[in-house]
Amino acid sequence: MSSNSLHGKAALVTGGSRGIGAAIARRLAAEGASVAITYVNGEEPARAVVADITASGGHALAIKADNRDAAAVEAAVGDAVKAFGRLDILVNSAGIWRAAPIDVLSLADFDETMEVNLRAPFVASKAAAVHMGEGGRIISIGSNLAERVTDTSLSAYSTSKAALVGLTKALARDLGSRGITANVVHPGSTDTDMNPAGGPHAEQQRQKMATPRFGKADEIAGMVAWLAGPEGRFVTGASLTIDGGANA
């Protein structure tokens, strides 16, 4: 689906080489935006996303940037602005999963989770806000596990995603007077390489849902595109959950 609602806009999607991030990049491009994506190790998948977008007549760019490196995140924002001449939409999609019981989880794993899932969105949002004007959008990808911790071994991951809600609300307050919105989208179990619908823990997850199926990355992308478009202009500081009713 495409309404060309983002024609003339420029977007940066972190972690846009695979999974939810790749689906978001493709959807924003289908809506008319020029899209830059970041990747760490997946150069080939990143180039495939760019190729898909350009083959459809869009403009896209892949930038190597590790979310653990604040300078690299800042540079990626600058590269996107240099390539497109502007930046209207930032989607903080890159994330990692480190799961272990609290008495086993290492401090290094906890710190890395915060670096990638929380500090990097702060760094990217701070850098992007400098270039955004009226109508700017900052959208972060959280998790329904920020709202309801349904299993063990989630102390690092759930903490990082819950803190992302606080950051988003603060961004909404800081930037609202400039006409820039900030929101967080909380996916539930979504069929990706990281958490496939046919994986060993998939049935356990489906049993928790009101609609017992995994989400599709395109469905998450659809909500992000709506927030990024004109119909989402009055939504800010919000947490929007798309999880098949797992948290109902």
Protein backbone atom coordinates (compact mmCIF):
# COMPACT_ATOMS: atom_id res chain seq x y z
CA MET A 1 0.00 0.00 0.00
CA SER A 2 1.23 3.49 -0.80
CA SER A 3 -0.36 6.92 -0.57
CA ASN A 4 2.81 8.86 -1.44
CA SER A 5 2.16 10.70 1.82
CA LEU A 6 5.89 11.12 2.51
CA HIS A 7 6.90 12.54 -0.87
CA GLY A 8 9.81 14.94 -0.45
CA LYS A 9 10.65 13.69 3.03
CA ALA A 10 13.94 12.11 4.12
CA ALA A 11 14.24 9.33 6.70
CA LEU A 12 16.95 7.48 8.60
CA VAL A 13 16.17 3.98 9.88
CA THR A 14 18.77 2.48 12.20
CA GLY A 15 19.11 -1.27 11.93
CA GLY A 16 17.38 -1.16 8.58
CA SER A 17 19.10 -4.11 6.92
CA ARG A 18 16.78 -6.84 8.21
CA GLY A 19 13.59 -7.72 10.03
CA ILE A 20 11.34 -4.93 11.24
CA GLY A 21 13.86 -2.23 10.31
CA ALA A 22 14.06 -3.40 6.69
CA ALA A 23 10.26 -3.54 6.43
CA ILE A 24 10.04 0.01 7.79
CA ALA A 25 12.64 1.27 5.32
CA ARG A 26 10.80 -0.28 2.39
CA ARG A 27 7.43 1.06 3.56
CA LEU A 28 8.68 4.62 4.09
CA ALA A 29 10.25 4.52 0.63
CA ALA A 30 6.98 3.22 -0.84
CA GLU A 31 5.28 6.24 0.71
CA GLY A 32 7.69 8.52 -1.14
CA ALA A 33 10.49 9.18 1.35
CA SER A 34 14.19 9.03 0.59
CA VAL A 35 15.57 6.51 3.08
CA ALA A 36 18.97 5.90 4.65
CA ILE A 37 19.52 2.76 6.69
CA THR A 38 22.29 1.72 9.04
CA TYR A 39 23.81 -1.70 9.46
CA VAL A 40 26.68 -3.28 11.40
CA ASN A 41 27.69 -6.60 9.85
CA GLY A 42 24.98 -7.24 7.30
CA GLU A 43 26.34 -5.31 4.33
CA GLU A 44 24.80 -7.67 1.79
CA PRO A 45 21.25 -7.52 3.26
CA ALA A 46 21.59 -3.74 3.59
CA ARG A 47 22.53 -3.42 -0.08
CA ALA A 48 19.58 -5.67 -0.96
CA VAL A 49 17.18 -3.30 0.83
CA VAL A 50 18.70 -0.34 -1.00
CA ALA A 51 18.45 -2.22 -4.30
CA ASP A 52 14.77 -3.01 -3.70
CA ILE A 53 14.01 0.64 -3.02
CA THR A 54 15.94 2.00 -5.98
CA ALA A 55 14.45 -0.62 -8.31
CA SER A 56 11.04 0.76 -7.40
CA GLY A 57 12.13 4.29 -8.28
CA GLY A 58 13.05 5.43 -4.78
CA HIS A 59 16.19 6.89 -3.26
CA ALA A 60 18.11 4.95 -0.62
CA LEU A 61 21.49 4.79 1.08
CA ALA A 62 23.17 2.20 3.33
CA ILE A 63 25.51 3.45 6.07
CA LYS A 64 27.70 1.25 8.22
CA ALA A 65 27.26 2.35 11.83
CA ASP A 66 27.46 0.38 15.07
CA ASN A 67 24.89 1.51 17.64
CA ARG A 68 27.44 0.81 20.36
CA ASP A 69 29.57 3.65 18.95
CA ALA A 70 28.03 7.06 19.67
CA ALA A 71 30.30 8.82 17.19
CA ALA A 72 29.26 6.41 14.44
CA VAL A 73 25.57 7.03 15.19
CA GLU A 74 26.09 10.79 15.04
CA ALA A 75 28.01 10.43 11.79
CA ALA A 76 25.20 8.35 10.27
CA VAL A 77 22.76 11.18 10.94
CA GLY A 78 25.16 13.59 9.27
CA ASP A 79 25.63 11.28 6.29
CA ALA A 80 21.87 11.04 5.78
CA VAL A 81 21.49 14.81 5.89
CA LYS A 82 24.40 15.25 3.48
CA ALA A 83 22.91 12.72 1.05
CA PHE A 84 19.34 14.05 1.08
CA GLY A 85 19.79 17.67 2.12
CA ARG A 86 17.37 17.29 5.02
CA LEU A 87 16.08 14.89 7.66
CA ASP A 88 12.42 14.64 8.55
CA ILE A 89 12.02 11.17 10.06
CA LEU A 90 14.21 9.17 12.41
CA VAL A 91 13.28 5.58 13.22
CA ASN A 92 15.33 4.05 16.03
CA SER A 93 14.94 0.40 15.09
CA ALA A 94 18.34 -1.18 15.81
CA GLY A 95 18.29 -3.36 18.91
CA ILE A 96 19.83 -6.39 20.56
CA TRP A 97 18.53 -9.17 22.81
CA ARG A 98 20.53 -10.40 25.78
CA ALA A 99 18.51 -12.82 27.92
CA ALA A 100 19.58 -14.52 31.16
CA PRO A 101 18.34 -14.75 34.75
CA ILE A 102 19.46 -11.86 36.93
CA ASP A 103 21.94 -14.02 38.84
CA VAL A 104 23.56 -15.10 35.56
CA LEU A 105 23.31 -12.00 33.37
CA SER A 106 26.69 -10.32 33.09
CA LEU A 107 27.25 -6.62 33.64
CA ALA A 108 28.79 -6.48 30.17
CA ASP A 109 25.59 -7.84 28.60
CA PHE A 110 23.49 -5.37 30.59
CA ASP A 111 25.70 -2.45 29.56
CA GLU A 112 25.71 -3.47 25.90
CA THR A 113 21.92 -3.73 25.92
CA MET A 114 21.65 -0.19 27.28
CA GLU A 115 24.19 1.10 24.76
CA VAL A 116 22.34 -0.27 21.75
CA ASN A 117 18.70 -0.13 22.86
CA LEU A 118 18.69 3.12 24.85
CA ARG A 119 21.82 5.24 24.54
CA ALA A 120 21.94 5.01 20.74
CA PRO A 121 18.33 6.25 20.34
CA PHE A 122 19.22 9.17 22.62
CA VAL A 123 22.33 9.97 20.57
CA ALA A 124 20.52 9.64 17.24
CA SER A 125 17.52 11.67 18.41
CA LYS A 126 19.73 14.44 19.76
CA ALA A 127 21.69 14.60 16.50
CA ALA A 128 18.61 14.36 14.28
CA ALA A 129 16.62 17.02 16.13
CA VAL A 130 19.16 19.65 15.07
CA HIS A 131 18.15 19.11 11.44
CA MET A 132 14.40 18.68 11.91
CA GLY A 133 11.79 21.35 11.49
CA GLU A 134 8.02 21.51 11.73
CA GLY A 135 6.60 18.06 11.00
CA GLY A 136 9.68 16.16 12.14
CA ARG A 137 9.11 12.66 13.47
CA ILE A 138 11.13 10.55 15.91
CA ILE A 139 9.82 7.00 16.19
CA SER A 140 11.49 4.36 18.33
CA ILE A 141 10.87 0.64 18.22
CA GLY A 142 10.29 -0.66 21.72
CA SER A 143 8.70 -3.94 22.81
CA ASN A 144 5.51 -5.10 24.47
CA LEU A 145 7.90 -6.58 27.04
CA ALA A 146 8.45 -3.03 28.27
CA GLU A 147 4.86 -2.98 29.47
CA ARG A 148 4.45 -6.52 30.74
CA VAL A 149 7.30 -8.87 31.56
CA THR A 150 5.80 -12.25 30.76
CA ASP A 151 8.82 -14.48 31.29
CA THR A 152 12.12 -14.81 33.09
CA SER A 153 15.55 -13.60 31.93
CA LEU A 154 14.35 -10.21 30.68
CA SER A 155 15.90 -7.81 33.17
CA ALA A 156 18.23 -6.14 30.64
CA TYR A 157 15.94 -6.15 27.62
CA SER A 158 12.73 -5.07 29.35
CA THR A 159 14.56 -2.37 31.29
CA SER A 160 16.04 -0.92 28.11
CA LYS A 161 12.68 -0.83 26.34
CA ALA A 162 10.84 0.59 29.36
CA ALA A 163 13.44 3.34 29.62
CA LEU A 164 12.86 4.09 25.95
CA VAL A 165 9.30 5.06 26.88
CA GLY A 166 10.62 7.63 29.35
CA LEU A 167 13.03 8.99 26.77
CA THR A 168 10.23 9.26 24.21
CA LYS A 169 7.98 11.19 26.57
CA ALA A 170 10.82 13.57 27.40
CA LEU A 171 11.61 14.09 23.71
CA ALA A 172 7.95 14.87 23.06
CA ARG A 173 8.09 17.61 25.70
CA ASP A 174 11.45 19.00 24.56
CA LEU A 175 10.57 19.13 20.87
CA GLY A 176 6.82 19.66 20.79
CA SER A 177 7.03 23.44 20.58
CA ARG A 178 9.02 23.00 17.35
CA GLY A 179 6.33 20.81 15.80
CA ILE A 180 8.40 17.62 16.14
CA THR A 181 6.69 14.51 17.50
CA ALA A 182 8.21 11.55 19.34
CA ASN A 183 6.53 8.18 19.79
CA VAL A 184 7.41 4.58 20.54
CA VAL A 185 5.93 1.52 18.83
CA HIS A 186 5.87 -1.68 20.90
CA PRO A 187 5.82 -4.80 18.69
CA GLY A 188 4.98 -8.14 20.16
CA SER A 189 6.18 -11.44 18.71
CA THR A 190 7.01 -10.70 15.09
CA ASP A 191 8.16 -13.21 12.49
CA THR A 192 11.78 -12.23 11.82
CA ASP A 193 15.16 -13.94 11.74
CA MET A 194 15.60 -12.99 15.39
CA ASN A 195 12.30 -14.57 16.47
CA PRO A 196 10.86 -16.81 13.73
CA ALA A 197 7.24 -17.94 13.85
CA GLY A 198 8.48 -21.51 13.52
CA GLY A 199 11.11 -21.23 16.24
CA PRO A 200 11.40 -23.44 19.34
CA HIS A 201 9.69 -20.89 21.62
CA ALA A 202 7.07 -19.71 19.16
CA GLU A 203 4.13 -21.76 20.43
CA GLN A 204 4.70 -20.53 23.98
CA GLN A 205 4.45 -16.98 22.68
CA ARG A 206 1.32 -17.65 20.62
CA GLN A 207 -0.47 -19.02 23.67
CA LYS A 208 -0.21 -15.60 25.31
CA MET A 209 -1.92 -13.75 22.46
CA ALA A 210 -5.57 -12.89 21.97
CA THR A 211 -4.93 -13.39 18.25
CA PRO A 212 -2.67 -16.45 18.30
CA ARG A 213 -0.29 -15.71 15.46
CA PHE A 214 2.99 -13.91 15.03
CA GLY A 215 2.89 -10.43 13.62
CA LYS A 216 4.40 -9.57 10.27
CA ALA A 217 7.17 -7.02 9.93
CA ASP A 218 5.04 -5.21 7.35
CA GLU A 219 2.32 -4.73 9.96
CA ILE A 220 4.75 -2.98 12.29
CA ALA A 221 5.98 -0.90 9.37
CA GLY A 222 2.42 0.15 8.62
CA MET A 223 2.00 1.67 12.07
CA VAL A 224 5.34 3.45 11.78
CA ALA A 225 4.38 4.85 8.38
CA TRP A 226 1.10 6.14 9.82
CA LEU A 227 2.94 7.92 12.63
CA ALA A 228 5.40 9.36 10.14
CA GLY A 229 2.65 10.62 7.85
CA PRO A 230 0.24 13.56 8.05
CA GLU A 231 -2.46 11.63 9.92
CA GLY A 232 -0.07 11.06 12.83
CA ARG A 233 0.81 14.70 13.35
CA PHE A 234 -1.18 15.11 16.61
CA VAL A 235 0.20 11.94 18.23
CA THR A 236 3.23 12.51 20.45
CA GLY A 237 4.63 11.07 23.66
CA ALA A 238 2.60 7.93 22.98
CA SER A 239 3.34 4.24 23.28
CA LEU A 240 1.49 2.23 20.64
CA THR A 241 1.39 -1.53 21.13
CA ILE A 242 0.94 -3.94 18.22
CA ASP A 243 1.20 -7.43 19.71
CA GLY A 244 -1.88 -9.45 18.80
CA GLY A 245 -3.32 -8.83 22.24
CA ALA A 246 -0.49 -10.48 24.17
CA ASN A 247 -0.68 -7.70 26.74
CA ALA A 248 -4.49 -7.50 26.78
